């Protein structure tokens, strides 16, 4: 009778261990699917952002090039001093 009781206890512990491993695998699978979904969302959001923004240098307005001042021609407020 003692042998049967030991067999039942090991059977129960085996079932609990297997069910725990199955739950852990399912949790990791869910985390992985959420991670893949997040990566797809980032890519889709970046593509739509890039398609919707105005790229630099595509304007029809003509700009004049402005000569930048050397450091010695700046005053204390970092504004250009006209000689």
N, C-alpha and C. Protein backbone atom coordinates (compact mmCIF):
# COMPACT_ATOMS: atom_id res chain seq x y z
N UNK A 1 0.80 -1.19 0.00
CA UNK A 1 0.00 0.00 0.00
C UNK A 1 0.86 1.27 0.00
N UNK A 2 1.97 1.24 0.69
CA UNK A 2 2.85 2.40 0.74
C UNK A 2 3.44 2.69 -0.62
N UNK A 3 3.67 1.65 -1.41
CA UNK A 3 4.23 1.84 -2.75
C UNK A 3 3.23 2.55 -3.66
N UNK A 4 1.96 2.21 -3.53
CA UNK A 4 0.93 2.85 -4.34
C UNK A 4 0.77 4.33 -3.95
N UNK A 5 0.87 4.64 -2.69
CA UNK A 5 0.77 6.02 -2.23
C UNK A 5 1.93 6.85 -2.79
N UNK A 6 3.13 6.26 -2.80
CA UNK A 6 4.28 6.96 -3.36
C UNK A 6 4.11 7.17 -4.86
N UNK A 7 3.55 6.21 -5.55
CA UNK A 7 3.32 6.31 -6.99
C UNK A 7 2.31 7.42 -7.29
N UNK A 8 1.26 7.54 -6.48
CA UNK A 8 0.27 8.59 -6.68
C UNK A 8 0.86 9.98 -6.46
N UNK A 9 1.74 10.10 -5.43
CA UNK A 9 2.35 11.40 -5.15
C UNK A 9 3.30 11.81 -6.26
N UNK A 10 4.08 10.85 -6.78
CA UNK A 10 4.98 11.21 -7.88
C UNK A 10 4.20 11.51 -9.14
N UNK A 11 3.09 10.84 -9.35
CA UNK A 11 2.24 11.13 -10.50
C UNK A 11 1.65 12.52 -10.43
N UNK A 12 1.21 12.91 -9.22
CA UNK A 12 0.65 14.25 -9.04
C UNK A 12 1.73 15.30 -9.24
N UNK A 13 2.92 15.09 -8.71
CA UNK A 13 4.00 16.08 -8.88
C UNK A 13 4.42 16.19 -10.34
N UNK A 14 4.38 15.03 -11.06
CA UNK A 14 4.69 15.07 -12.48
C UNK A 14 3.66 15.88 -13.25
N UNK A 15 2.38 15.70 -12.94
CA UNK A 15 1.32 16.49 -13.60
C UNK A 15 1.44 17.98 -13.29
N UNK A 16 1.74 18.31 -12.04
CA UNK A 16 1.90 19.72 -11.66
C UNK A 16 3.10 20.34 -12.36
N UNK A 17 4.19 19.59 -12.45
CA UNK A 17 5.38 20.10 -13.12
C UNK A 17 5.13 20.32 -14.60
N UNK A 18 4.49 19.36 -15.25
CA UNK A 18 4.19 19.50 -16.68
C UNK A 18 3.24 20.66 -16.94
N UNK A 19 2.22 20.78 -16.10
CA UNK A 19 1.28 21.89 -16.30
C UNK A 19 1.97 23.23 -16.08
N UNK A 20 2.88 23.30 -15.12
CA UNK A 20 3.63 24.53 -14.89
C UNK A 20 4.50 24.87 -16.09
N UNK A 21 5.19 23.88 -16.65
CA UNK A 21 6.02 24.12 -17.83
C UNK A 21 5.17 24.56 -19.02
N UNK A 22 4.00 23.98 -19.17
CA UNK A 22 3.13 24.37 -20.28
C UNK A 22 2.68 25.82 -20.12
N UNK A 23 2.33 26.20 -18.90
CA UNK A 23 1.92 27.58 -18.65
C UNK A 23 3.08 28.54 -18.91
N UNK A 24 4.28 28.18 -18.50
CA UNK A 24 5.45 29.03 -18.73
C UNK A 24 5.72 29.18 -20.22
N UNK A 25 5.62 28.08 -20.97
CA UNK A 25 5.83 28.14 -22.42
C UNK A 25 4.78 29.03 -23.07
N UNK A 26 3.52 28.91 -22.64
CA UNK A 26 2.47 29.76 -23.20
C UNK A 26 2.72 31.24 -22.87
N UNK A 27 3.19 31.53 -21.66
CA UNK A 27 3.50 32.91 -21.30
C UNK A 27 4.63 33.47 -22.16
N UNK A 28 5.68 32.68 -22.35
CA UNK A 28 6.78 33.14 -23.20
C UNK A 28 6.31 33.32 -24.64
N UNK A 29 5.44 32.44 -25.12
CA UNK A 29 4.89 32.59 -26.46
C UNK A 29 4.08 33.88 -26.60
N UNK A 30 3.27 34.19 -25.58
CA UNK A 30 2.51 35.44 -25.59
C UNK A 30 3.40 36.66 -25.55
N UNK A 31 4.44 36.61 -24.75
CA UNK A 31 5.39 37.73 -24.68
C UNK A 31 6.07 37.91 -26.03
N UNK A 32 6.44 36.82 -26.66
CA UNK A 32 7.10 36.88 -27.97
C UNK A 32 6.16 37.46 -29.02
N UNK A 33 4.88 37.05 -29.01
CA UNK A 33 3.92 37.58 -29.98
C UNK A 33 3.70 39.08 -29.75
N UNK A 34 3.64 39.51 -28.51
CA UNK A 34 3.49 40.94 -28.22
C UNK A 34 4.71 41.70 -28.70
N UNK A 35 5.89 41.13 -28.52
CA UNK A 35 7.13 41.76 -28.97
C UNK A 35 7.14 41.91 -30.49
N UNK A 36 6.74 40.86 -31.21
CA UNK A 36 6.68 40.94 -32.67
C UNK A 36 5.64 41.96 -33.12
N UNK A 37 4.49 42.00 -32.45
CA UNK A 37 3.47 42.98 -32.78
C UNK A 37 4.00 44.40 -32.59
N UNK A 38 4.71 44.62 -31.49
CA UNK A 38 5.28 45.94 -31.22
C UNK A 38 6.28 46.36 -32.28
N UNK A 39 7.12 45.42 -32.71
CA UNK A 39 8.08 45.74 -33.76
C UNK A 39 7.37 46.11 -35.06
N UNK A 40 6.31 45.39 -35.40
CA UNK A 40 5.56 45.70 -36.62
C UNK A 40 4.91 47.08 -36.50
N UNK A 41 4.41 47.42 -35.32
CA UNK A 41 3.78 48.72 -35.12
C UNK A 41 4.78 49.85 -35.28
N UNK A 42 5.98 49.66 -34.76
CA UNK A 42 7.01 50.70 -34.88
C UNK A 42 7.36 50.92 -36.34
N UNK A 43 7.52 49.84 -37.09
CA UNK A 43 7.86 49.96 -38.51
C UNK A 43 6.72 50.65 -39.26
N UNK A 44 5.49 50.22 -39.04
CA UNK A 44 4.35 50.82 -39.74
C UNK A 44 4.20 52.29 -39.39
N UNK A 45 4.41 52.63 -38.14
CA UNK A 45 4.29 54.02 -37.71
C UNK A 45 5.39 54.87 -38.33
N UNK A 46 6.59 54.34 -38.41
CA UNK A 46 7.70 55.09 -39.00
C UNK A 46 7.49 55.29 -40.50
N UNK A 47 6.98 54.27 -41.19
CA UNK A 47 6.71 54.39 -42.63
C UNK A 47 5.66 55.46 -42.89
N UNK A 48 4.58 55.44 -42.12
CA UNK A 48 3.53 56.45 -42.32
C UNK A 48 4.02 57.84 -41.93
N UNK A 49 4.89 57.93 -40.93
CA UNK A 49 5.45 59.23 -40.54
C UNK A 49 6.33 59.77 -41.67
N UNK A 50 7.20 58.91 -42.22
CA UNK A 50 8.08 59.35 -43.30
C UNK A 50 7.29 59.73 -44.55
N UNK A 51 6.20 59.03 -44.82
CA UNK A 51 5.40 59.35 -45.99
C UNK A 51 4.62 60.65 -45.80
N UNK A 52 4.30 60.99 -44.58
CA UNK A 52 3.48 62.17 -44.32
C UNK A 52 4.25 63.44 -44.06
N UNK A 53 5.52 63.37 -43.91
CA UNK A 53 6.29 64.58 -43.61
C UNK A 53 6.91 65.14 -44.87
N UNK A 54 7.24 66.40 -44.82
CA UNK A 54 7.91 67.04 -45.95
C UNK A 54 9.40 66.83 -45.77
N UNK A 55 9.99 66.23 -46.75
CA UNK A 55 11.42 65.95 -46.68
C UNK A 55 12.21 67.25 -46.82
N UNK A 56 13.36 67.31 -46.21
CA UNK A 56 14.20 68.50 -46.27
C UNK A 56 14.67 68.71 -47.71
N UNK A 57 14.62 69.95 -48.15
CA UNK A 57 15.12 70.28 -49.48
C UNK A 57 14.11 70.09 -50.59
N UNK A 58 12.84 69.84 -50.28
CA UNK A 58 11.84 69.65 -51.34
C UNK A 58 10.96 70.88 -51.53
N UNK A 59 11.31 71.97 -50.91
CA UNK A 59 10.48 73.17 -50.99
C UNK A 59 10.67 73.87 -52.34
N UNK A 60 9.64 74.57 -52.77
CA UNK A 60 9.72 75.35 -54.01
C UNK A 60 10.21 76.76 -53.76
N UNK A 61 10.42 77.12 -52.51
CA UNK A 61 10.85 78.47 -52.16
C UNK A 61 12.36 78.55 -52.38
N UNK A 62 12.78 79.64 -53.02
CA UNK A 62 14.22 79.85 -53.24
C UNK A 62 14.80 80.55 -52.02
N UNK A 63 15.85 79.97 -51.49
CA UNK A 63 16.51 80.53 -50.33
C UNK A 63 17.85 81.12 -50.73
N UNK A 64 18.22 82.20 -50.06
CA UNK A 64 19.56 82.74 -50.26
C UNK A 64 20.47 82.12 -49.23
N UNK A 65 21.68 81.83 -49.64
CA UNK A 65 22.65 81.33 -48.69
C UNK A 65 23.11 82.47 -47.81
N UNK A 66 23.13 82.26 -46.52
CA UNK A 66 23.53 83.27 -45.57
C UNK A 66 24.92 82.91 -45.08
N UNK A 67 25.83 83.88 -45.19
CA UNK A 67 27.19 83.64 -44.73
C UNK A 67 27.17 83.61 -43.21
N UNK A 68 27.76 82.58 -42.65
CA UNK A 68 27.83 82.50 -41.19
C UNK A 68 29.02 83.30 -40.70
N UNK A 69 28.87 83.83 -39.52
CA UNK A 69 29.91 84.68 -38.96
C UNK A 69 30.97 83.85 -38.27
N UNK A 70 32.23 84.19 -38.44
CA UNK A 70 33.27 83.53 -37.66
C UNK A 70 33.10 83.87 -36.18
N UNK A 71 33.66 83.08 -35.34
CA UNK A 71 33.47 83.24 -33.89
C UNK A 71 33.96 84.59 -33.39
N UNK A 72 35.00 85.14 -34.02
CA UNK A 72 35.52 86.42 -33.52
C UNK A 72 34.61 87.60 -33.85
N UNK A 73 33.64 87.42 -34.76
CA UNK A 73 32.73 88.50 -35.10
C UNK A 73 31.42 88.43 -34.32
N UNK A 74 31.34 87.57 -33.30
CA UNK A 74 30.15 87.48 -32.48
C UNK A 74 30.35 88.28 -31.21
N UNK A 75 29.27 88.91 -30.72
CA UNK A 75 29.38 89.62 -29.46
C UNK A 75 29.03 88.70 -28.31
N UNK A 76 28.88 89.22 -27.10
CA UNK A 76 28.63 88.41 -25.93
C UNK A 76 27.29 87.70 -25.99
N UNK A 77 26.33 88.23 -26.72
CA UNK A 77 25.02 87.61 -26.82
C UNK A 77 24.97 86.61 -27.98
N UNK A 78 26.11 86.27 -28.59
CA UNK A 78 26.23 85.36 -29.71
C UNK A 78 25.41 85.82 -30.92
N UNK A 79 25.35 87.14 -31.12
CA UNK A 79 24.71 87.67 -32.32
C UNK A 79 25.79 88.27 -33.20
N UNK A 80 25.52 88.30 -34.47
CA UNK A 80 26.49 88.78 -35.46
C UNK A 80 26.68 90.28 -35.34
N UNK A 81 27.92 90.71 -35.31
CA UNK A 81 28.24 92.12 -35.23
C UNK A 81 28.60 92.59 -36.65
N UNK A 82 27.80 93.53 -37.16
CA UNK A 82 28.05 94.04 -38.50
C UNK A 82 29.18 95.05 -38.44
N UNK A 83 30.25 94.81 -39.20
CA UNK A 83 31.38 95.76 -39.15
C UNK A 83 31.08 97.05 -39.90
